[in-house]
Amino acid sequence: MSANEVLEQIDKLPAKEQEAVFTHLAGRMLARREIDSKRWLGKKMSFEEACDVVFRENHELLGLLAK
């Protein structure tokens, strides 16, 4: 099943079940990001380097916020 097919199925769910799916996926993304973020702990970066990391690693979120 493709991602689009999965999303279509999720759209057909009642709102409460859609929320459960979203909560599950958000939790997985946050857990993965927590692991990924540890590689930056303790590193000294300039403001520009830090901005580059933030924008590069969060481009999907920033794109959604820009809409």
PDB file of N, CA and C in Angstrom:
ATOM      1  N   MET A   1       0.857  -1.170   0.000  1.00  0.00           N
ATOM      2  CA  MET A   1       0.000   0.000   0.000  1.00  0.00           C
ATOM      3  C   MET A   1       0.906   1.236   0.000  1.00  0.00           C
ATOM      4  N   SER A   2       0.570   2.204  -0.833  1.00  0.00           N
ATOM      5  CA  SER A   2       1.380   3.420  -0.913  1.00  0.00           C
ATOM      6  C   SER A   2       1.023   4.383   0.218  1.00  0.00           C
ATOM      7  N   ALA A   3       1.887   5.352   0.423  1.00  0.00           N
ATOM      8  CA  ALA A   3       1.632   6.363   1.461  1.00  0.00           C
ATOM      9  C   ALA A   3       0.342   7.122   1.159  1.00  0.00           C
ATOM     10  N   ASN A   4       0.105   7.430  -0.105  1.00  0.00           N
ATOM     11  CA  ASN A   4      -1.134   8.138  -0.463  1.00  0.00           C
ATOM     12  C   ASN A   4      -2.371   7.309  -0.132  1.00  0.00           C
ATOM     13  N   GLU A   5      -2.291   6.009  -0.362  1.00  0.00           N
ATOM     14  CA  GLU A   5      -3.415   5.136  -0.031  1.00  0.00           C
ATOM     15  C   GLU A   5      -3.648   5.100   1.479  1.00  0.00           C
ATOM     16  N   VAL A   6      -2.571   5.061   2.235  1.00  0.00           N
ATOM     17  CA  VAL A   6      -2.682   5.072   3.695  1.00  0.00           C
ATOM     18  C   VAL A   6      -3.329   6.369   4.155  1.00  0.00           C
ATOM     19  N   LEU A   7      -2.873   7.496   3.592  1.00  0.00           N
ATOM     20  CA  LEU A   7      -3.439   8.793   3.966  1.00  0.00           C
ATOM     21  C   LEU A   7      -4.924   8.884   3.612  1.00  0.00           C
ATOM     22  N   GLU A   8      -5.306   8.329   2.482  1.00  0.00           N
ATOM     23  CA  GLU A   8      -6.722   8.310   2.104  1.00  0.00           C
ATOM     24  C   GLU A   8      -7.542   7.514   3.117  1.00  0.00           C
ATOM     25  N   GLN A   9      -6.988   6.401   3.582  1.00  0.00           N
ATOM     26  CA  GLN A   9      -7.674   5.592   4.586  1.00  0.00           C
ATOM     27  C   GLN A   9      -7.786   6.342   5.914  1.00  0.00           C
ATOM     28  N   ILE A  10      -6.720   7.048   6.282  1.00  0.00           N
ATOM     29  CA  ILE A  10      -6.752   7.832   7.520  1.00  0.00           C
ATOM     30  C   ILE A  10      -7.818   8.923   7.426  1.00  0.00           C
ATOM     31  N   ASP A  11      -7.921   9.555   6.252  1.00  0.00           N
ATOM     32  CA  ASP A  11      -8.940  10.603   6.057  1.00  0.00           C
ATOM     33  C   ASP A  11     -10.357  10.079   6.252  1.00  0.00           C
ATOM     34  N   LYS A  12     -10.560   8.806   6.028  1.00  0.00           N
ATOM     35  CA  LYS A  12     -11.887   8.204   6.177  1.00  0.00           C
ATOM     36  C   LYS A  12     -12.234   7.859   7.624  1.00  0.00           C
ATOM     37  N   LEU A  13     -11.241   7.886   8.502  1.00  0.00           N
ATOM     38  CA  LEU A  13     -11.463   7.544   9.911  1.00  0.00           C
ATOM     39  C   LEU A  13     -12.226   8.657  10.629  1.00  0.00           C
ATOM     40  N   PRO A  14     -12.927   8.303  11.699  1.00  0.00           N
ATOM     41  CA  PRO A  14     -13.549   9.333  12.542  1.00  0.00           C
ATOM     42  C   PRO A  14     -12.456  10.218  13.165  1.00  0.00           C
ATOM     43  N   ALA A  15     -12.828  11.429  13.517  1.00  0.00           N
ATOM     44  CA  ALA A  15     -11.872  12.412  14.025  1.00  0.00           C
ATOM     45  C   ALA A  15     -11.064  11.880  15.206  1.00  0.00           C
ATOM     46  N   LYS A  16     -11.700  11.165  16.115  1.00  0.00           N
ATOM     47  CA  LYS A  16     -10.996  10.654  17.300  1.00  0.00           C
ATOM     48  C   LYS A  16      -9.912   9.657  16.905  1.00  0.00           C
ATOM     49  N   GLU A  17     -10.200   8.813  15.931  1.00  0.00           N
ATOM     50  CA  GLU A  17      -9.205   7.841  15.485  1.00  0.00           C
ATOM     51  C   GLU A  17      -8.100   8.521  14.675  1.00  0.00           C
ATOM     52  N   GLN A  18      -8.432   9.562  13.903  1.00  0.00           N
ATOM     53  CA  GLN A  18      -7.407  10.328  13.199  1.00  0.00           C
ATOM     54  C   GLN A  18      -6.453  10.964  14.202  1.00  0.00           C
ATOM     55  N   GLU A  19      -7.017  11.464  15.299  1.00  0.00           N
ATOM     56  CA  GLU A  19      -6.184  12.061  16.350  1.00  0.00           C
ATOM     57  C   GLU A  19      -5.242  11.025  16.956  1.00  0.00           C
ATOM     58  N   ALA A  20      -5.739   9.804  17.147  1.00  0.00           N
ATOM     59  CA  ALA A  20      -4.901   8.736  17.699  1.00  0.00           C
ATOM     60  C   ALA A  20      -3.744   8.415  16.742  1.00  0.00           C
ATOM     61  N   VAL A  21      -4.022   8.390  15.452  1.00  0.00           N
ATOM     62  CA  VAL A  21      -2.978   8.136  14.456  1.00  0.00           C
ATOM     63  C   VAL A  21      -1.948   9.260  14.500  1.00  0.00           C
ATOM     64  N   PHE A  22      -2.423  10.498  14.531  1.00  0.00           N
ATOM     65  CA  PHE A  22      -1.527  11.647  14.568  1.00  0.00           C
ATOM     66  C   PHE A  22      -0.659  11.613  15.824  1.00  0.00           C
ATOM     67  N   THR A  23      -1.252  11.329  16.960  1.00  0.00           N
ATOM     68  CA  THR A  23      -0.513  11.272  18.214  1.00  0.00           C
ATOM     69  C   THR A  23       0.565  10.200  18.155  1.00  0.00           C
ATOM     70  N   HIS A  24       0.227   9.056  17.609  1.00  0.00           N
ATOM     71  CA  HIS A  24       1.198   7.965  17.477  1.00  0.00           C
ATOM     72  C   HIS A  24       2.359   8.382  16.583  1.00  0.00           C
ATOM     73  N   LEU A  25       2.059   8.950  15.419  1.00  0.00           N
ATOM     74  CA  LEU A  25       3.107   9.343  14.485  1.00  0.00           C
ATOM     75  C   LEU A  25       3.964  10.478  15.043  1.00  0.00           C
ATOM     76  N   ALA A  26       3.331  11.445  15.690  1.00  0.00           N
ATOM     77  CA  ALA A  26       4.081  12.556  16.275  1.00  0.00           C
ATOM     78  C   ALA A  26       5.033  12.041  17.353  1.00  0.00           C
ATOM     79  N   GLY A  27       4.579  11.103  18.158  1.00  0.00           N
ATOM     80  CA  GLY A  27       5.427  10.511  19.188  1.00  0.00           C
ATOM     81  C   GLY A  27       6.628   9.804  18.595  1.00  0.00           C
ATOM     82  N   ARG A  28       6.416   9.100  17.499  1.00  0.00           N
ATOM     83  CA  ARG A  28       7.528   8.401  16.837  1.00  0.00           C
ATOM     84  C   ARG A  28       8.529   9.390  16.264  1.00  0.00           C
ATOM     85  N   MET A  29       8.019  10.463  15.670  1.00  0.00           N
ATOM     86  CA  MET A  29       8.910  11.475  15.090  1.00  0.00           C
ATOM     87  C   MET A  29       9.725  12.165  16.180  1.00  0.00           C
ATOM     88  N   LEU A  30       9.073  12.489  17.295  1.00  0.00           N
ATOM     89  CA  LEU A  30       9.784  13.151  18.386  1.00  0.00           C
ATOM     90  C   LEU A  30      10.851  12.244  18.981  1.00  0.00           C
ATOM     91  N   ALA A  31      10.537  10.971  19.127  1.00  0.00           N
ATOM     92  CA  ALA A  31      11.513  10.022  19.674  1.00  0.00           C
ATOM     93  C   ALA A  31      12.719   9.916  18.755  1.00  0.00           C
ATOM     94  N   ARG A  32      12.484   9.881  17.461  1.00  0.00           N
ATOM     95  CA  ARG A  32      13.581   9.786  16.499  1.00  0.00           C
ATOM     96  C   ARG A  32      14.409  11.062  16.514  1.00  0.00           C
ATOM     97  N   ARG A  33      13.735  12.206  16.603  1.00  0.00           N
ATOM     98  CA  ARG A  33      14.460  13.486  16.629  1.00  0.00           C
ATOM     99  C   ARG A  33      15.289  13.611  17.893  1.00  0.00           C
ATOM    100  N   GLU A  34      14.787  13.072  19.006  1.00  0.00           N
ATOM    101  CA  GLU A  34      15.543  13.145  20.263  1.00  0.00           C
ATOM    102  C   GLU A  34      16.866  12.416  20.106  1.00  0.00           C
ATOM    103  N   ILE A  35      16.830  11.264  19.473  1.00  0.00           N
ATOM    104  CA  ILE A  35      18.048  10.489  19.244  1.00  0.00           C
ATOM    105  C   ILE A  35      18.974  11.264  18.308  1.00  0.00           C
ATOM    106  N   ASP A  36      18.404  11.812  17.216  1.00  0.00           N
ATOM    107  CA  ASP A  36      19.200  12.560  16.245  1.00  0.00           C
ATOM    108  C   ASP A  36      19.789  13.827  16.851  1.00  0.00           C
ATOM    109  N   SER A  37      19.053  14.469  17.753  1.00  0.00           N
ATOM    110  CA  SER A  37      19.522  15.740  18.298  1.00  0.00           C
ATOM    111  C   SER A  37      20.721  15.563  19.222  1.00  0.00           C
ATOM    112  N   LYS A  38      20.885  14.380  19.790  1.00  0.00           N
ATOM    113  CA  LYS A  38      21.992  14.162  20.723  1.00  0.00           C
ATOM    114  C   LYS A  38      23.348  14.337  20.059  1.00  0.00           C
ATOM    115  N   ARG A  39      23.412  14.169  18.755  1.00  0.00           N
ATOM    116  CA  ARG A  39      24.704  14.329  18.090  1.00  0.00           C
ATOM    117  C   ARG A  39      25.167  15.778  18.082  1.00  0.00           C
ATOM    118  N   TRP A  40      24.243  16.722  18.373  1.00  0.00           N
ATOM    119  CA  TRP A  40      24.612  18.143  18.387  1.00  0.00           C
ATOM    120  C   TRP A  40      24.947  18.642  19.787  1.00  0.00           C
ATOM    121  N   LEU A  41      24.633  17.863  20.810  1.00  0.00           N
ATOM    122  CA  LEU A  41      24.909  18.299  22.173  1.00  0.00           C
ATOM    123  C   LEU A  41      26.398  18.473  22.410  1.00  0.00           C
ATOM    124  N   GLY A  42      26.766  19.569  23.054  1.00  0.00           N
ATOM    125  CA  GLY A  42      28.143  19.809  23.407  1.00  0.00           C
ATOM    126  C   GLY A  42      29.004  20.366  22.291  1.00  0.00           C
ATOM    127  N   LYS A  43      28.426  20.552  21.114  1.00  0.00           N
ATOM    128  CA  LYS A  43      29.190  21.109  20.008  1.00  0.00           C
ATOM    129  C   LYS A  43      29.075  22.623  20.026  1.00  0.00           C
ATOM    130  N   LYS A  44      30.175  23.275  19.789  1.00  0.00           N
ATOM    131  CA  LYS A  44      30.167  24.732  19.725  1.00  0.00           C
ATOM    132  C   LYS A  44      29.989  25.134  18.270  1.00  0.00           C
ATOM    133  N   MET A  45      28.946  25.947  18.036  1.00  0.00           N
ATOM    134  CA  MET A  45      28.650  26.404  16.683  1.00  0.00           C
ATOM    135  C   MET A  45      28.392  27.895  16.707  1.00  0.00           C
ATOM    136  N   SER A  46      28.639  28.498  15.579  1.00  0.00           N
ATOM    137  CA  SER A  46      28.281  29.902  15.443  1.00  0.00           C
ATOM    138  C   SER A  46      26.762  29.974  15.259  1.00  0.00           C
ATOM    139  N   PHE A  47      26.217  31.154  15.376  1.00  0.00           N
ATOM    140  CA  PHE A  47      24.787  31.343  15.178  1.00  0.00           C
ATOM    141  C   PHE A  47      24.384  30.873  13.783  1.00  0.00           C
ATOM    142  N   GLU A  48      25.182  31.220  12.783  1.00  0.00           N
ATOM    143  CA  GLU A  48      24.882  30.842  11.401  1.00  0.00           C
ATOM    144  C   GLU A  48      24.897  29.325  11.223  1.00  0.00           C
ATOM    145  N   GLU A  49      25.861  28.659  11.839  1.00  0.00           N
ATOM    146  CA  GLU A  49      25.922  27.196  11.744  1.00  0.00           C
ATOM    147  C   GLU A  49      24.713  26.566  12.429  1.00  0.00           C
ATOM    148  N   ALA A  50      24.337  27.092  13.592  1.00  0.00           N
ATOM    149  CA  ALA A  50      23.170  26.571  14.311  1.00  0.00           C
ATOM    150  C   ALA A  50      21.899  26.779  13.494  1.00  0.00           C
ATOM    151  N   CYS A  51      21.756  27.949  12.872  1.00  0.00           N
ATOM    152  CA  CYS A  51      20.585  28.220  12.024  1.00  0.00           C
ATOM    153  C   CYS A  51      20.527  27.235  10.870  1.00  0.00           C
ATOM    154  N   ASP A  52      21.676  26.960  10.276  1.00  0.00           N
ATOM    155  CA  ASP A  52      21.733  26.012   9.167  1.00  0.00           C
ATOM    156  C   ASP A  52      21.238  24.642   9.611  1.00  0.00           C
ATOM    157  N   VAL A  53      21.656  24.193  10.773  1.00  0.00           N
ATOM    158  CA  VAL A  53      21.220  22.895  11.305  1.00  0.00           C
ATOM    159  C   VAL A  53      19.715  22.901  11.544  1.00  0.00           C
ATOM    160  N   VAL A  54      19.215  23.941  12.201  1.00  0.00           N
ATOM    161  CA  VAL A  54      17.788  24.010  12.526  1.00  0.00           C
ATOM    162  C   VAL A  54      16.953  24.000  11.251  1.00  0.00           C
ATOM    163  N   PHE A  55      17.309  24.837  10.283  1.00  0.00           N
ATOM    164  CA  PHE A  55      16.519  24.915   9.061  1.00  0.00           C
ATOM    165  C   PHE A  55      16.659  23.672   8.199  1.00  0.00           C
ATOM    166  N   ARG A  56      17.847  23.083   8.166  1.00  0.00           N
ATOM    167  CA  ARG A  56      18.054  21.872   7.364  1.00  0.00           C
ATOM    168  C   ARG A  56      17.294  20.688   7.956  1.00  0.00           C
ATOM    169  N   GLU A  57      17.312  20.547   9.268  1.00  0.00           N
ATOM    170  CA  GLU A  57      16.705  19.371   9.889  1.00  0.00           C
ATOM    171  C   GLU A  57      15.212  19.529  10.140  1.00  0.00           C
ATOM    172  N   ASN A  58      14.687  20.722   9.993  1.00  0.00           N
ATOM    173  CA  ASN A  58      13.264  20.950  10.247  1.00  0.00           C
ATOM    174  C   ASN A  58      12.568  21.590   9.055  1.00  0.00           C
ATOM    175  N   HIS A  59      13.066  21.332   7.839  1.00  0.00           N
ATOM    176  CA  HIS A  59      12.511  21.995   6.664  1.00  0.00           C
ATOM    177  C   HIS A  59      11.046  21.655   6.434  1.00  0.00           C
ATOM    178  N   GLU A  60      10.630  20.428   6.769  1.00  0.00           N
ATOM    179  CA  GLU A  60       9.220  20.069   6.591  1.00  0.00           C
ATOM    180  C   GLU A  60       8.327  20.902   7.504  1.00  0.00           C
ATOM    181  N   LEU A  61       8.686  20.985   8.770  1.00  0.00           N
ATOM    182  CA  LEU A  61       7.914  21.764   9.724  1.00  0.00           C
ATOM    183  C   LEU A  61       7.903  23.242   9.339  1.00  0.00           C
ATOM    184  N   LEU A  62       9.054  23.774   8.995  1.00  0.00           N
ATOM    185  CA  LEU A  62       9.142  25.183   8.623  1.00  0.00           C
ATOM    186  C   LEU A  62       8.345  25.462   7.358  1.00  0.00           C
ATOM    187  N   GLY A  63       8.315  24.520   6.437  1.00  0.00           N
ATOM    188  CA  GLY A  63       7.498  24.666   5.218  1.00  0.00           C
ATOM    189  C   GLY A  63       6.022  24.722   5.555  1.00  0.00           C
ATOM    190  N   LEU A  64       5.583  23.878   6.492  1.00  0.00           N
ATOM    191  CA  LEU A  64       4.184  23.904   6.920  1.00  0.00           C
ATOM    192  C   LEU A  64       3.839  25.200   7.622  1.00  0.00           C
ATOM    193  N   LEU A  65       4.757  25.684   8.445  1.00  0.00           N
ATOM    194  CA  LEU A  65       4.522  26.947   9.143  1.00  0.00           C
ATOM    195  C   LEU A  65       4.463  28.123   8.171  1.00  0.00           C
ATOM    196  N   ALA A  66       5.208  28.037   7.080  1.00  0.00           N
ATOM    197  CA  ALA A  66       5.236  29.117   6.095  1.00  0.00           C
ATOM    198  C   ALA A  66       3.910  29.232   5.341  1.00  0.00           C
ATOM    199  N   LYS A  67       3.153  28.139   5.292  1.00  0.00           N
ATOM    200  CA  LYS A  67       1.864  28.174   4.594  1.00  0.00           C
ATOM    201  C   LYS A  67       0.931  28.977   5.392  1.00  0.00           C
TER     202      LYS A  67
END
